[in-house]
PDB file of N, CA and C in Angstrom:
ATOM      1  N   MET A   1     -45.530 131.132 -50.263  1.00  0.00           N
ATOM      2  CA  MET A   1     -45.843 129.709 -50.529  1.00  0.00           C
ATOM      3  C   MET A   1     -44.553 129.003 -50.720  1.00  0.00           C
ATOM      4  N   GLY A   2     -43.928 128.536 -49.625  1.00  0.00           N
ATOM      5  CA  GLY A   2     -42.749 127.698 -49.812  1.00  0.00           C
ATOM      6  C   GLY A   2     -43.175 126.266 -49.453  1.00  0.00           C
ATOM      7  N   ILE A   3     -42.086 125.455 -49.601  1.00  0.00           N
ATOM      8  CA  ILE A   3     -42.373 124.024 -49.230  1.00  0.00           C
ATOM      9  C   ILE A   3     -42.156 123.913 -47.715  1.00  0.00           C
ATOM     10  N   GLY A   4     -43.233 123.384 -47.032  1.00  0.00           N
ATOM     11  CA  GLY A   4     -43.148 123.169 -45.564  1.00  0.00           C
ATOM     12  C   GLY A   4     -42.629 121.868 -45.148  1.00  0.00           C
ATOM     13  N   MET A   5     -42.595 121.632 -43.901  1.00  0.00           N
ATOM     14  CA  MET A   5     -42.071 120.485 -43.379  1.00  0.00           C
ATOM     15  C   MET A   5     -42.955 119.195 -43.760  1.00  0.00           C
ATOM     16  N   ARG A   6     -44.269 119.434 -43.764  1.00  0.00           N
ATOM     17  CA  ARG A   6     -45.226 118.408 -44.162  1.00  0.00           C
ATOM     18  C   ARG A   6     -44.982 117.971 -45.561  1.00  0.00           C
ATOM     19  N   GLU A   7     -44.888 118.967 -46.510  1.00  0.00           N
ATOM     20  CA  GLU A   7     -44.585 118.564 -47.941  1.00  0.00           C
ATOM     21  C   GLU A   7     -43.227 117.784 -48.113  1.00  0.00           C
ATOM     22  N   LEU A   8     -42.259 118.271 -47.424  1.00  0.00           N
ATOM     23  CA  LEU A   8     -41.005 117.621 -47.508  1.00  0.00           C
ATOM     24  C   LEU A   8     -41.046 116.199 -47.058  1.00  0.00           C
ATOM     25  N   ILE A   9     -41.793 115.842 -45.978  1.00  0.00           N
ATOM     26  CA  ILE A   9     -41.984 114.515 -45.455  1.00  0.00           C
ATOM     27  C   ILE A   9     -42.723 113.656 -46.543  1.00  0.00           C
ATOM     28  N   ILE A  10     -43.776 114.283 -47.091  1.00  0.00           N
ATOM     29  CA  ILE A  10     -44.465 113.413 -48.100  1.00  0.00           C
ATOM     30  C   ILE A  10     -43.579 113.196 -49.299  1.00  0.00           C
ATOM     31  N   ILE A  11     -42.842 114.138 -49.795  1.00  0.00           N
ATOM     32  CA  ILE A  11     -41.915 113.900 -50.872  1.00  0.00           C
ATOM     33  C   ILE A  11     -40.827 112.861 -50.516  1.00  0.00           C
ATOM     34  N   LEU A  12     -40.267 112.813 -49.460  1.00  0.00           N
ATOM     35  CA  LEU A  12     -39.381 111.869 -49.009  1.00  0.00           C
ATOM     36  C   LEU A  12     -39.963 110.441 -48.913  1.00  0.00           C
ATOM     37  N   LEU A  13     -41.161 110.359 -48.479  1.00  0.00           N
ATOM     38  CA  LEU A  13     -41.904 109.086 -48.362  1.00  0.00           C
ATOM     39  C   LEU A  13     -42.128 108.554 -49.757  1.00  0.00           C
ATOM     40  N   VAL A  14     -42.723 109.383 -50.730  1.00  0.00           N
ATOM     41  CA  VAL A  14     -42.757 108.915 -52.093  1.00  0.00           C
ATOM     42  C   VAL A  14     -41.514 108.448 -52.747  1.00  0.00           C
ATOM     43  N   VAL A  15     -40.473 109.262 -52.465  1.00  0.00           N
ATOM     44  CA  VAL A  15     -39.173 108.758 -53.132  1.00  0.00           C
ATOM     45  C   VAL A  15     -38.690 107.456 -52.469  1.00  0.00           C
ATOM     46  N   LEU A  16     -38.874 107.289 -51.109  1.00  0.00           N
ATOM     47  CA  LEU A  16     -38.488 106.055 -50.492  1.00  0.00           C
ATOM     48  C   LEU A  16     -39.306 104.883 -51.020  1.00  0.00           C
ATOM     49  N   LEU A  17     -40.581 105.073 -51.201  1.00  0.00           N
ATOM     50  CA  LEU A  17     -41.398 104.077 -51.796  1.00  0.00           C
ATOM     51  C   LEU A  17     -41.034 103.722 -53.286  1.00  0.00           C
ATOM     52  N   VAL A  18     -40.758 104.676 -54.106  1.00  0.00           N
ATOM     53  CA  VAL A  18     -40.402 104.402 -55.514  1.00  0.00           C
ATOM     54  C   VAL A  18     -38.971 103.721 -55.614  1.00  0.00           C
ATOM     55  N   PHE A  19     -37.948 104.192 -54.864  1.00  0.00           N
ATOM     56  CA  PHE A  19     -36.626 103.634 -55.019  1.00  0.00           C
ATOM     57  C   PHE A  19     -36.306 102.584 -54.039  1.00  0.00           C
ATOM     58  N   GLY A  20     -36.874 102.670 -52.914  1.00  0.00           N
ATOM     59  CA  GLY A  20     -36.445 101.712 -51.870  1.00  0.00           C
ATOM     60  C   GLY A  20     -35.315 102.206 -51.078  1.00  0.00           C
ATOM     61  N   ALA A  21     -35.012 101.613 -49.871  1.00  0.00           N
ATOM     62  CA  ALA A  21     -34.059 102.193 -48.922  1.00  0.00           C
ATOM     63  C   ALA A  21     -32.622 101.867 -49.453  1.00  0.00           C
ATOM     64  N   LYS A  22     -32.511 100.602 -49.980  1.00  0.00           N
ATOM     65  CA  LYS A  22     -31.130 100.158 -50.478  1.00  0.00           C
ATOM     66  C   LYS A  22     -30.661 101.011 -51.653  1.00  0.00           C
ATOM     67  N   LYS A  23     -31.653 101.282 -52.539  1.00  0.00           N
ATOM     68  CA  LYS A  23     -31.196 102.043 -53.692  1.00  0.00           C
ATOM     69  C   LYS A  23     -30.908 103.487 -53.374  1.00  0.00           C
ATOM     70  N   LEU A  24     -31.674 104.000 -52.356  1.00  0.00           N
ATOM     71  CA  LEU A  24     -31.393 105.335 -51.876  1.00  0.00           C
ATOM     72  C   LEU A  24     -30.006 105.508 -51.320  1.00  0.00           C
ATOM     73  N   ARG A  25     -29.619 104.489 -50.549  1.00  0.00           N
ATOM     74  CA  ARG A  25     -28.218 104.414 -49.987  1.00  0.00           C
ATOM     75  C   ARG A  25     -27.181 104.468 -51.118  1.00  0.00           C
ATOM     76  N   THR A  26     -27.419 103.719 -52.176  1.00  0.00           N
ATOM     77  CA  THR A  26     -26.280 103.679 -53.114  1.00  0.00           C
ATOM     78  C   THR A  26     -26.330 105.001 -53.952  1.00  0.00           C
ATOM     79  N   ILE A  27     -27.575 105.560 -54.139  1.00  0.00           N
ATOM     80  CA  ILE A  27     -27.667 106.842 -54.831  1.00  0.00           C
ATOM     81  C   ILE A  27     -26.993 107.901 -54.035  1.00  0.00           C
ATOM     82  N   GLY A  28     -27.248 107.853 -52.801  1.00  0.00           N
ATOM     83  CA  GLY A  28     -26.497 108.808 -51.823  1.00  0.00           C
ATOM     84  C   GLY A  28     -24.970 108.735 -51.831  1.00  0.00           C
ATOM     85  N   SER A  29     -24.490 107.511 -51.839  1.00  0.00           N
ATOM     86  CA  SER A  29     -22.994 107.349 -51.805  1.00  0.00           C
ATOM     87  C   SER A  29     -22.472 107.686 -53.203  1.00  0.00           C
ATOM     88  N   ASP A  30     -23.098 107.344 -54.246  1.00  0.00           N
ATOM     89  CA  ASP A  30     -22.614 107.778 -55.562  1.00  0.00           C
ATOM     90  C   ASP A  30     -22.665 109.252 -55.788  1.00  0.00           C
ATOM     91  N   LEU A  31     -23.691 109.917 -55.185  1.00  0.00           N
ATOM     92  CA  LEU A  31     -23.762 111.285 -55.406  1.00  0.00           C
ATOM     93  C   LEU A  31     -22.655 111.974 -54.509  1.00  0.00           C
ATOM     94  N   GLY A  32     -22.401 111.462 -53.310  1.00  0.00           N
ATOM     95  CA  GLY A  32     -21.266 111.956 -52.489  1.00  0.00           C
ATOM     96  C   GLY A  32     -19.899 111.749 -53.139  1.00  0.00           C
ATOM     97  N   ALA A  33     -19.763 110.671 -53.868  1.00  0.00           N
ATOM     98  CA  ALA A  33     -18.460 110.403 -54.542  1.00  0.00           C
ATOM     99  C   ALA A  33     -18.301 111.324 -55.684  1.00  0.00           C
ATOM    100  N   ALA A  34     -19.362 111.624 -56.399  1.00  0.00           N
ATOM    101  CA  ALA A  34     -19.382 112.594 -57.499  1.00  0.00           C
ATOM    102  C   ALA A  34     -19.014 113.963 -57.004  1.00  0.00           C
ATOM    103  N   VAL A  35     -19.591 114.398 -55.970  1.00  0.00           N
ATOM    104  CA  VAL A  35     -19.314 115.720 -55.385  1.00  0.00           C
ATOM    105  C   VAL A  35     -17.886 115.933 -54.986  1.00  0.00           C
ATOM    106  N   LYS A  36     -17.309 114.839 -54.314  1.00  0.00           N
ATOM    107  CA  LYS A  36     -15.914 114.653 -53.853  1.00  0.00           C
ATOM    108  C   LYS A  36     -14.995 114.791 -55.077  1.00  0.00           C
ATOM    109  N   GLY A  37     -15.269 114.061 -56.150  1.00  0.00           N
ATOM    110  CA  GLY A  37     -14.495 114.121 -57.287  1.00  0.00           C
ATOM    111  C   GLY A  37     -14.509 115.468 -58.060  1.00  0.00           C
ATOM    112  N   PHE A  38     -15.714 116.185 -58.010  1.00  0.00           N
ATOM    113  CA  PHE A  38     -15.869 117.506 -58.624  1.00  0.00           C
ATOM    114  C   PHE A  38     -15.015 118.438 -57.795  1.00  0.00           C
ATOM    115  N   LYS A  39     -15.023 118.352 -56.520  1.00  0.00           N
ATOM    116  CA  LYS A  39     -14.170 119.299 -55.691  1.00  0.00           C
ATOM    117  C   LYS A  39     -12.707 119.107 -55.918  1.00  0.00           C
ATOM    118  N   LYS A  40     -12.348 117.816 -55.965  1.00  0.00           N
ATOM    119  CA  LYS A  40     -10.932 117.419 -56.161  1.00  0.00           C
ATOM    120  C   LYS A  40     -10.471 118.041 -57.519  1.00  0.00           C
ATOM    121  N   GLY A  41     -11.331 117.898 -58.601  1.00  0.00           N
ATOM    122  CA  GLY A  41     -11.034 118.384 -59.864  1.00  0.00           C
ATOM    123  C   GLY A  41     -10.847 119.863 -59.834  1.00  0.00           C
ATOM    124  N   LEU A  42     -11.677 120.560 -59.055  1.00  0.00           N
ATOM    125  CA  LEU A  42     -11.662 122.008 -59.015  1.00  0.00           C
ATOM    126  C   LEU A  42     -10.278 122.435 -58.348  1.00  0.00           C
ATOM    127  N   ASN A  43      -9.958 121.744 -57.259  1.00  0.00           N
ATOM    128  CA  ASN A  43      -8.689 122.022 -56.531  1.00  0.00           C
ATOM    129  C   ASN A  43      -7.464 121.822 -57.352  1.00  0.00           C
ATOM    130  N   ASP A  44      -7.527 120.568 -58.249  1.00  0.00           N
ATOM    131  CA  ASP A  44      -6.372 120.304 -59.107  1.00  0.00           C
ATOM    132  C   ASP A  44      -6.249 121.385 -60.164  1.00  0.00           C
ATOM    133  N   GLY A  45      -7.434 121.733 -60.690  1.00  0.00           N
ATOM    134  CA  GLY A  45      -7.392 122.815 -61.690  1.00  0.00           C
ATOM    135  C   GLY A  45      -6.812 124.153 -61.191  1.00  0.00           C
ATOM    136  N   ASP A  46      -7.147 124.530 -59.963  1.00  0.00           N
ATOM    137  CA  ASP A  46      -6.644 125.661 -59.306  1.00  0.00           C
ATOM    138  C   ASP A  46      -5.044 125.580 -59.047  1.00  0.00           C
ATOM    139  N   ALA A  47      -4.567 124.321 -58.678  1.00  0.00           N
ATOM    140  CA  ALA A  47      -3.206 124.158 -58.548  1.00  0.00           C
ATOM    141  C   ALA A  47      -2.400 124.333 -59.828  1.00  0.00           C
ATOM    142  N   GLU A  48      -3.041 123.737 -60.856  1.00  0.00           N
ATOM    143  CA  GLU A  48      -2.357 123.861 -62.196  1.00  0.00           C
ATOM    144  C   GLU A  48      -2.321 125.272 -62.675  1.00  0.00           C
ATOM    145  N   GLU A  49      -3.454 125.983 -62.447  1.00  0.00           N
ATOM    146  CA  GLU A  49      -3.376 127.500 -62.814  1.00  0.00           C
ATOM    147  C   GLU A  49      -2.388 128.280 -62.029  1.00  0.00           C
ATOM    148  N   SER A  50      -2.287 128.008 -60.654  1.00  0.00           N
ATOM    149  CA  SER A  50      -1.338 128.675 -59.794  1.00  0.00           C
ATOM    150  C   SER A  50       0.028 128.401 -60.327  1.00  0.00           C
ATOM    151  N   ALA A  51       0.433 127.138 -60.663  1.00  0.00           N
ATOM    152  CA  ALA A  51       1.789 126.733 -61.240  1.00  0.00           C
ATOM    153  C   ALA A  51       2.019 127.411 -62.361  1.00  0.00           C
ATOM    154  N   ARG A  52       1.088 127.458 -63.373  1.00  0.00           N
ATOM    155  CA  ARG A  52       1.313 128.054 -64.710  1.00  0.00           C
ATOM    156  C   ARG A  52       1.613 129.544 -64.489  1.00  0.00           C
ATOM    157  N   GLN A  53       0.817 130.209 -63.647  1.00  0.00           N
ATOM    158  CA  GLN A  53       0.901 131.657 -63.420  1.00  0.00           C
ATOM    159  C   GLN A  53       2.333 131.930 -62.748  1.00  0.00           C
ATOM    160  N   LEU A  54       2.792 131.118 -61.844  1.00  0.00           N
ATOM    161  CA  LEU A  54       4.033 131.341 -61.189  1.00  0.00           C
ATOM    162  C   LEU A  54       5.176 131.216 -62.195  1.00  0.00           C
ATOM    163  N   LYS A  55       5.068 130.138 -63.152  1.00  0.00           N
ATOM    164  CA  LYS A  55       6.105 130.077 -64.154  1.00  0.00           C
ATOM    165  C   LYS A  55       6.069 131.192 -65.105  1.00  0.00           C
ATOM    166  N   GLN A  56       4.878 131.723 -65.523  1.00  0.00           N
ATOM    167  CA  GLN A  56       4.964 132.822 -66.390  1.00  0.00           C
ATOM    168  C   GLN A  56       5.504 134.056 -65.742  1.00  0.00           C
ATOM    169  N   GLU A  57       5.304 134.297 -64.461  1.00  0.00           N
ATOM    170  CA  GLU A  57       5.864 135.421 -63.759  1.00  0.00           C
ATOM    171  C   GLU A  57       7.372 135.254 -63.672  1.00  0.00           C
ATOM    172  N   ALA A  58       7.869 134.044 -63.304  1.00  0.00           N
ATOM    173  CA  ALA A  58       9.276 133.827 -63.303  1.00  0.00           C
ATOM    174  C   ALA A  58       9.985 133.996 -64.640  1.00  0.00           C
ATOM    175  N   ASP A  59       9.273 133.518 -65.731  1.00  0.00           N
ATOM    176  CA  ASP A  59       9.823 133.758 -67.119  1.00  0.00           C
ATOM    177  C   ASP A  59       9.854 135.220 -67.366  1.00  0.00           C
ATOM    178  N   ALA A  60       8.841 135.979 -66.932  1.00  0.00           N
ATOM    179  CA  ALA A  60       8.936 137.372 -67.287  1.00  0.00           C
ATOM    180  C   ALA A  60      10.046 138.086 -66.509  1.00  0.00           C
ATOM    181  N   GLU A  61      10.273 137.610 -65.259  1.00  0.00           N
ATOM    182  CA  GLU A  61      11.128 138.283 -64.354  1.00  0.00           C
ATOM    183  C   GLU A  61      12.618 137.981 -64.755  1.00  0.00           C
ATOM    184  N   PHE A  62      12.833 136.660 -65.199  1.00  0.00           N
ATOM    185  CA  PHE A  62      14.144 136.165 -65.462  1.00  0.00           C
ATOM    186  C   PHE A  62      14.183 135.649 -66.924  1.00  0.00           C
ATOM    187  N   PRO A  63      14.080 136.371 -68.026  1.00  0.00           N
ATOM    188  CA  PRO A  63      13.921 135.745 -69.304  1.00  0.00           C
ATOM    189  C   PRO A  63      15.233 135.047 -69.672  1.00  0.00           C
ATOM    190  N   GLU A  64      16.409 135.455 -69.303  1.00  0.00           N
ATOM    191  CA  GLU A  64      17.607 134.775 -69.718  1.00  0.00           C
ATOM    192  C   GLU A  64      17.761 133.454 -69.079  1.00  0.00           C
ATOM    193  N   ALA A  65      17.276 133.296 -67.887  1.00  0.00           N
ATOM    194  CA  ALA A  65      17.321 131.919 -67.257  1.00  0.00           C
ATOM    195  C   ALA A  65      16.249 131.029 -67.958  1.00  0.00           C
ATOM    196  N   HIS A  66      15.201 131.544 -68.488  1.00  0.00           N
ATOM    197  CA  HIS A  66      14.231 130.669 -69.176  1.00  0.00           C
ATOM    198  C   HIS A  66      14.827 130.330 -70.496  1.00  0.00           C
ATOM    199  N   ALA A  67      15.624 131.229 -71.095  1.00  0.00           N
ATOM    200  CA  ALA A  67      16.236 130.846 -72.393  1.00  0.00           C
ATOM    201  C   ALA A  67      17.305 129.768 -72.190  1.00  0.00           C
ATOM    202  N   LYS A  68      18.030 129.823 -71.145  1.00  0.00           N
ATOM    203  CA  LYS A  68      19.102 128.837 -70.943  1.00  0.00           C
ATOM    204  C   LYS A  68      18.378 127.500 -70.585  1.00  0.00           C
ATOM    205  N   ALA A  69      17.329 127.513 -69.875  1.00  0.00           N
ATOM    206  CA  ALA A  69      16.606 126.291 -69.617  1.00  0.00           C
ATOM    207  C   ALA A  69      15.994 125.586 -70.838  1.00  0.00           C
ATOM    208  N   GLU A  70      15.433 126.389 -71.703  1.00  0.00           N
ATOM    209  CA  GLU A  70      14.842 125.895 -72.928  1.00  0.00           C
ATOM    210  C   GLU A  70      16.067 125.336 -73.748  1.00  0.00           C
ATOM    211  N   ALA A  71      17.198 125.965 -73.816  1.00  0.00           N
ATOM    212  CA  ALA A  71      18.293 125.472 -74.596  1.00  0.00           C
ATOM    213  C   ALA A  71      18.992 124.160 -74.068  1.00  0.00           C
ATOM    214  N   ALA A  72      18.744 124.008 -72.777  1.00  0.00           N
ATOM    215  CA  ALA A  72      19.288 122.790 -72.240  1.00  0.00           C
ATOM    216  C   ALA A  72      18.468 121.619 -72.318  1.00  0.00           C
ATOM    217  N   LYS A  73      17.154 121.779 -72.680  1.00  0.00           N
ATOM    218  CA  LYS A  73      16.299 120.647 -72.824  1.00  0.00           C
ATOM    219  C   LYS A  73      16.671 119.833 -74.006  1.00  0.00           C
ATOM    220  N   PRO A  74      16.592 118.548 -73.997  1.00  0.00           N
ATOM    221  CA  PRO A  74      16.869 117.690 -75.140  1.00  0.00           C
ATOM    222  C   PRO A  74      15.845 117.889 -76.205  1.00  0.00           C
ATOM    223  N   GLN A  75      16.258 117.988 -77.391  1.00  0.00           N
ATOM    224  CA  GLN A  75      15.329 118.223 -78.466  1.00  0.00           C
ATOM    225  C   GLN A  75      15.002 116.916 -79.131  1.00  0.00           C
ATOM    226  N   ASP A  76      13.662 116.717 -79.486  1.00  0.00           N
ATOM    227  CA  ASP A  76      13.178 115.515 -80.187  1.00  0.00           C
ATOM    228  C   ASP A  76      13.621 115.630 -81.634  1.00  0.00           C
ATOM    229  N   ARG A  77      14.237 114.596 -82.097  1.00  0.00           N
ATOM    230  CA  ARG A  77      14.730 114.646 -83.502  1.00  0.00           C
ATOM    231  C   ARG A  77      13.857 113.843 -84.401  1.00  0.00           C
ATOM    232  N   GLN A  78      13.433 114.350 -85.340  1.00  0.00           N
ATOM    233  CA  GLN A  78      12.492 113.616 -86.383  1.00  0.00           C
ATOM    234  C   GLN A  78      13.234 113.360 -87.593  1.00  0.00           C
ATOM    235  N   ALA A  79      13.270 112.195 -88.108  1.00  0.00           N
ATOM    236  CA  ALA A  79      14.010 111.827 -89.375  1.00  0.00           C
ATOM    237  C   ALA A  79      13.259 112.169 -90.613  1.00  0.00           C
TER     238      ALA A  79
END
């Protein structure tokens, strides 16, 4: 007992009557923008995670270089 083609058409007609064609277009574009933003956020998160992992691997492989880089950073002085 799945949803057949006839049921889908009836559901779409009811949604069209309730919301109207213009509102459905804006809902569709808003939903598309939300999905696009979600995918972009996932990709950005993956890129940050990859960069963090590469930095950790480099720090583990070359600890003396990491210590020199940390020592060369300007320190914030608090009075």
